[in-house]
Amino acid sequence: QAQIVQSGGGLVQPGESLRLSCVTPGFSFQIFNIGWFRQAPGKEREGVLCIDSTIGSTYYTADSVKGRFTISRDNAKSTVYLQMNSLKPEDTGVYYCAFDNSYYSQYTCQEGAFGTWGQGTQVTVSP
């Protein structure tokens, strides 16, 4: 099974920025739809941003992050990024990237649509 290695995250103050990365060494990165998900304490995992494999378009952005978070992919480096700006305390949680090449994951930014997951990385936004 493909391996995903996440990096980034940490503790920041409100208003600051962070960039998370997911690297997928050794497999055909460009055929996969990719999603960033997060799970806040005591809450279910939710989709944040999802990007498809065909033209690399972002097909889903959670309302709570619109205008602040962006997703991008570099197929040559087999890497996907989540740029998070103007962070808020409610952005705190464990962030996961996920991959899948099913048609379902091409238009559904939900946990059940993605089969391969990174290990997760903690993001804490606190004064």
C-alpha atoms as a PDB file:
ATOM      1  CA  GLN A   1       0.000   0.000   0.000  1.00  0.00           C
ATOM      2  CA  ALA A   2       1.165   3.496  -0.747  1.00  0.00           C
ATOM      3  CA  GLN A   3       2.801   5.388   2.063  1.00  0.00           C
ATOM      4  CA  ILE A   4       2.049   8.985   2.922  1.00  0.00           C
ATOM      5  CA  VAL A   5       4.414  11.085   4.988  1.00  0.00           C
ATOM      6  CA  GLN A   6       3.083  14.278   6.487  1.00  0.00           C
ATOM      7  CA  SER A   7       5.060  17.216   7.793  1.00  0.00           C
ATOM      8  CA  GLY A   8       4.387  20.669   9.132  1.00  0.00           C
ATOM      9  CA  GLY A   9       2.043  21.647  11.876  1.00  0.00           C
ATOM     10  CA  GLY A  10       2.787  22.953  15.330  1.00  0.00           C
ATOM     11  CA  LEU A  11       1.729  25.677  17.695  1.00  0.00           C
ATOM     12  CA  VAL A  12       0.967  29.145  16.352  1.00  0.00           C
ATOM     13  CA  GLN A  13      -0.849  32.254  17.474  1.00  0.00           C
ATOM     14  CA  PRO A  14      -4.115  33.443  15.952  1.00  0.00           C
ATOM     15  CA  GLY A  15      -3.565  35.245  12.679  1.00  0.00           C
ATOM     16  CA  GLU A  16      -0.387  33.388  11.825  1.00  0.00           C
ATOM     17  CA  SER A  17       0.202  30.937   8.981  1.00  0.00           C
ATOM     18  CA  LEU A  18       1.304  27.349   8.582  1.00  0.00           C
ATOM     19  CA  ARG A  19       1.936  25.055   5.649  1.00  0.00           C
ATOM     20  CA  LEU A  20       1.390  21.339   5.829  1.00  0.00           C
ATOM     21  CA  SER A  21       2.889  18.902   3.348  1.00  0.00           C
ATOM     22  CA  CYS A  22       2.211  15.353   2.290  1.00  0.00           C
ATOM     23  CA  VAL A  23       4.748  13.378   0.329  1.00  0.00           C
ATOM     24  CA  THR A  24       3.925  10.136  -1.400  1.00  0.00           C
ATOM     25  CA  PRO A  25       7.202   8.597  -2.482  1.00  0.00           C
ATOM     26  CA  GLY A  26       7.250   5.766  -4.905  1.00  0.00           C
ATOM     27  CA  PHE A  27       3.851   5.738  -6.500  1.00  0.00           C
ATOM     28  CA  SER A  28       1.876   7.400  -9.267  1.00  0.00           C
ATOM     29  CA  PHE A  29       0.926  10.525  -7.409  1.00  0.00           C
ATOM     30  CA  GLN A  30      -0.770  12.222 -10.333  1.00  0.00           C
ATOM     31  CA  ILE A  31      -3.633   9.724 -10.621  1.00  0.00           C
ATOM     32  CA  PHE A  32      -4.923  10.335  -7.143  1.00  0.00           C
ATOM     33  CA  ASN A  33      -7.537  12.648  -5.806  1.00  0.00           C
ATOM     34  CA  ILE A  34      -6.307  14.262  -2.617  1.00  0.00           C
ATOM     35  CA  GLY A  35      -8.034  15.609   0.428  1.00  0.00           C
ATOM     36  CA  TRP A  36      -7.101  17.442   3.578  1.00  0.00           C
ATOM     37  CA  PHE A  37      -9.198  16.584   6.592  1.00  0.00           C
ATOM     38  CA  ARG A  38      -9.107  17.637  10.203  1.00  0.00           C
ATOM     39  CA  GLN A  39     -10.408  16.355  13.478  1.00  0.00           C
ATOM     40  CA  ALA A  40     -10.928  18.687  16.396  1.00  0.00           C
ATOM     41  CA  PRO A  41     -11.064  17.324  19.940  1.00  0.00           C
ATOM     42  CA  GLY A  42     -14.383  15.624  20.547  1.00  0.00           C
ATOM     43  CA  LYS A  43     -15.548  16.081  16.963  1.00  0.00           C
ATOM     44  CA  GLU A  44     -15.769  13.949  13.868  1.00  0.00           C
ATOM     45  CA  ARG A  45     -13.237  14.150  11.102  1.00  0.00           C
ATOM     46  CA  GLU A  46     -14.288  16.671   8.484  1.00  0.00           C
ATOM     47  CA  GLY A  47     -13.208  17.531   4.991  1.00  0.00           C
ATOM     48  CA  VAL A  48     -11.334  20.807   4.658  1.00  0.00           C
ATOM     49  CA  LEU A  49     -10.221  20.933   1.031  1.00  0.00           C
ATOM     50  CA  CYS A  50     -10.184  18.390  -1.740  1.00  0.00           C
ATOM     51  CA  ILE A  51      -8.502  18.466  -5.124  1.00  0.00           C
ATOM     52  CA  ASP A  52      -9.085  16.162  -8.059  1.00  0.00           C
ATOM     53  CA  SER A  53      -6.564  14.316 -10.178  1.00  0.00           C
ATOM     54  CA  THR A  54      -7.751  15.322 -13.624  1.00  0.00           C
ATOM     55  CA  ILE A  55      -7.104  19.016 -13.902  1.00  0.00           C
ATOM     56  CA  GLY A  56      -5.959  19.635 -10.368  1.00  0.00           C
ATOM     57  CA  SER A  57      -8.950  21.726  -9.455  1.00  0.00           C
ATOM     58  CA  THR A  58     -10.157  22.232  -5.925  1.00  0.00           C
ATOM     59  CA  TYR A  59     -13.649  20.811  -5.917  1.00  0.00           C
ATOM     60  CA  TYR A  60     -14.436  21.321  -2.253  1.00  0.00           C
ATOM     61  CA  THR A  61     -13.598  23.983   0.299  1.00  0.00           C
ATOM     62  CA  ALA A  62     -15.173  23.985   3.725  1.00  0.00           C
ATOM     63  CA  ASP A  63     -17.008  27.214   4.471  1.00  0.00           C
ATOM     64  CA  SER A  64     -15.003  27.691   7.643  1.00  0.00           C
ATOM     65  CA  VAL A  65     -11.720  28.000   5.729  1.00  0.00           C
ATOM     66  CA  LYS A  66     -12.765  29.820   2.575  1.00  0.00           C
ATOM     67  CA  GLY A  67     -10.458  32.697   1.804  1.00  0.00           C
ATOM     68  CA  ARG A  68      -7.858  31.434   4.279  1.00  0.00           C
ATOM     69  CA  PHE A  69      -6.757  27.915   3.262  1.00  0.00           C
ATOM     70  CA  THR A  70      -5.592  26.708  -0.110  1.00  0.00           C
ATOM     71  CA  ILE A  71      -4.560  23.323  -1.418  1.00  0.00           C
ATOM     72  CA  SER A  72      -2.022  22.745  -4.138  1.00  0.00           C
ATOM     73  CA  ARG A  73      -0.151  19.821  -5.589  1.00  0.00           C
ATOM     74  CA  ASP A  74       3.235  19.401  -7.222  1.00  0.00           C
ATOM     75  CA  ASN A  75       3.062  16.230  -9.273  1.00  0.00           C
ATOM     76  CA  ALA A  76       6.773  16.304 -10.058  1.00  0.00           C
ATOM     77  CA  LYS A  77       7.574  16.172  -6.350  1.00  0.00           C
ATOM     78  CA  SER A  78       4.658  13.874  -5.438  1.00  0.00           C
ATOM     79  CA  THR A  79       3.703  16.444  -2.843  1.00  0.00           C
ATOM     80  CA  VAL A  80       0.519  18.166  -1.822  1.00  0.00           C
ATOM     81  CA  TYR A  81       0.379  21.268   0.334  1.00  0.00           C
ATOM     82  CA  LEU A  82      -2.151  22.869   2.610  1.00  0.00           C
ATOM     83  CA  GLN A  83      -1.430  26.552   3.073  1.00  0.00           C
ATOM     84  CA  MET A  84      -3.253  27.906   6.092  1.00  0.00           C
ATOM     85  CA  ASN A  85      -3.411  31.644   6.631  1.00  0.00           C
ATOM     86  CA  SER A  86      -5.127  33.793   9.243  1.00  0.00           C
ATOM     87  CA  LEU A  87      -5.393  30.838  11.570  1.00  0.00           C
ATOM     88  CA  LYS A  88      -8.031  30.849  14.260  1.00  0.00           C
ATOM     89  CA  PRO A  89      -8.303  28.878  17.525  1.00  0.00           C
ATOM     90  CA  GLU A  90     -11.153  26.879  15.997  1.00  0.00           C
ATOM     91  CA  ASP A  91      -8.714  25.565  13.377  1.00  0.00           C
ATOM     92  CA  THR A  92      -7.027  23.557  16.099  1.00  0.00           C
ATOM     93  CA  GLY A  93      -7.009  19.835  15.471  1.00  0.00           C
ATOM     94  CA  VAL A  94      -5.212  16.926  13.893  1.00  0.00           C
ATOM     95  CA  TYR A  95      -4.862  17.359  10.161  1.00  0.00           C
ATOM     96  CA  TYR A  96      -4.724  14.430   7.768  1.00  0.00           C
ATOM     97  CA  CYS A  97      -4.085  14.159   4.087  1.00  0.00           C
ATOM     98  CA  ALA A  98      -5.719  11.354   2.203  1.00  0.00           C
ATOM     99  CA  PHE A  99      -5.500   9.859  -1.260  1.00  0.00           C
ATOM    100  CA  ASP A 100      -7.758   7.810  -3.444  1.00  0.00           C
ATOM    101  CA  ASN A 101      -8.189   7.113  -7.151  1.00  0.00           C
ATOM    102  CA  SER A 102     -11.851   6.196  -7.135  1.00  0.00           C
ATOM    103  CA  TYR A 103     -14.431   8.151  -9.068  1.00  0.00           C
ATOM    104  CA  TYR A 104     -16.255   8.733  -5.784  1.00  0.00           C
ATOM    105  CA  SER A 105     -13.304  10.587  -4.302  1.00  0.00           C
ATOM    106  CA  GLN A 106     -13.176  12.820  -7.350  1.00  0.00           C
ATOM    107  CA  TYR A 107     -16.275  14.680  -6.204  1.00  0.00           C
ATOM    108  CA  THR A 108     -16.871  13.690  -2.578  1.00  0.00           C
ATOM    109  CA  CYS A 109     -14.724  15.277   0.080  1.00  0.00           C
ATOM    110  CA  GLN A 110     -15.696  12.919   2.866  1.00  0.00           C
ATOM    111  CA  GLU A 111     -13.733  10.516   5.004  1.00  0.00           C
ATOM    112  CA  GLY A 112     -15.421   7.472   3.552  1.00  0.00           C
ATOM    113  CA  ALA A 113     -14.364   8.350   0.009  1.00  0.00           C
ATOM    114  CA  PHE A 114     -10.640   8.123   0.711  1.00  0.00           C
ATOM    115  CA  GLY A 115      -8.750   4.936   1.410  1.00  0.00           C
ATOM    116  CA  THR A 116      -5.150   5.899   2.079  1.00  0.00           C
ATOM    117  CA  TRP A 117      -4.308   8.230   4.934  1.00  0.00           C
ATOM    118  CA  GLY A 118      -1.327  10.032   6.332  1.00  0.00           C
ATOM    119  CA  GLN A 119      -0.380   9.723   9.976  1.00  0.00           C
ATOM    120  CA  GLY A 120      -1.863  13.075  10.939  1.00  0.00           C
ATOM    121  CA  THR A 121      -0.202  16.173  12.278  1.00  0.00           C
ATOM    122  CA  GLN A 122      -1.257  18.408  15.153  1.00  0.00           C
ATOM    123  CA  VAL A 123      -2.097  22.044  14.554  1.00  0.00           C
ATOM    124  CA  THR A 124      -2.725  24.176  17.612  1.00  0.00           C
ATOM    125  CA  VAL A 125      -3.784  27.799  17.379  1.00  0.00           C
ATOM    126  CA  SER A 126      -3.626  29.532  20.719  1.00  0.00           C
ATOM    127  CA  PRO A 127      -2.740  33.008  22.022  1.00  0.00           C
END
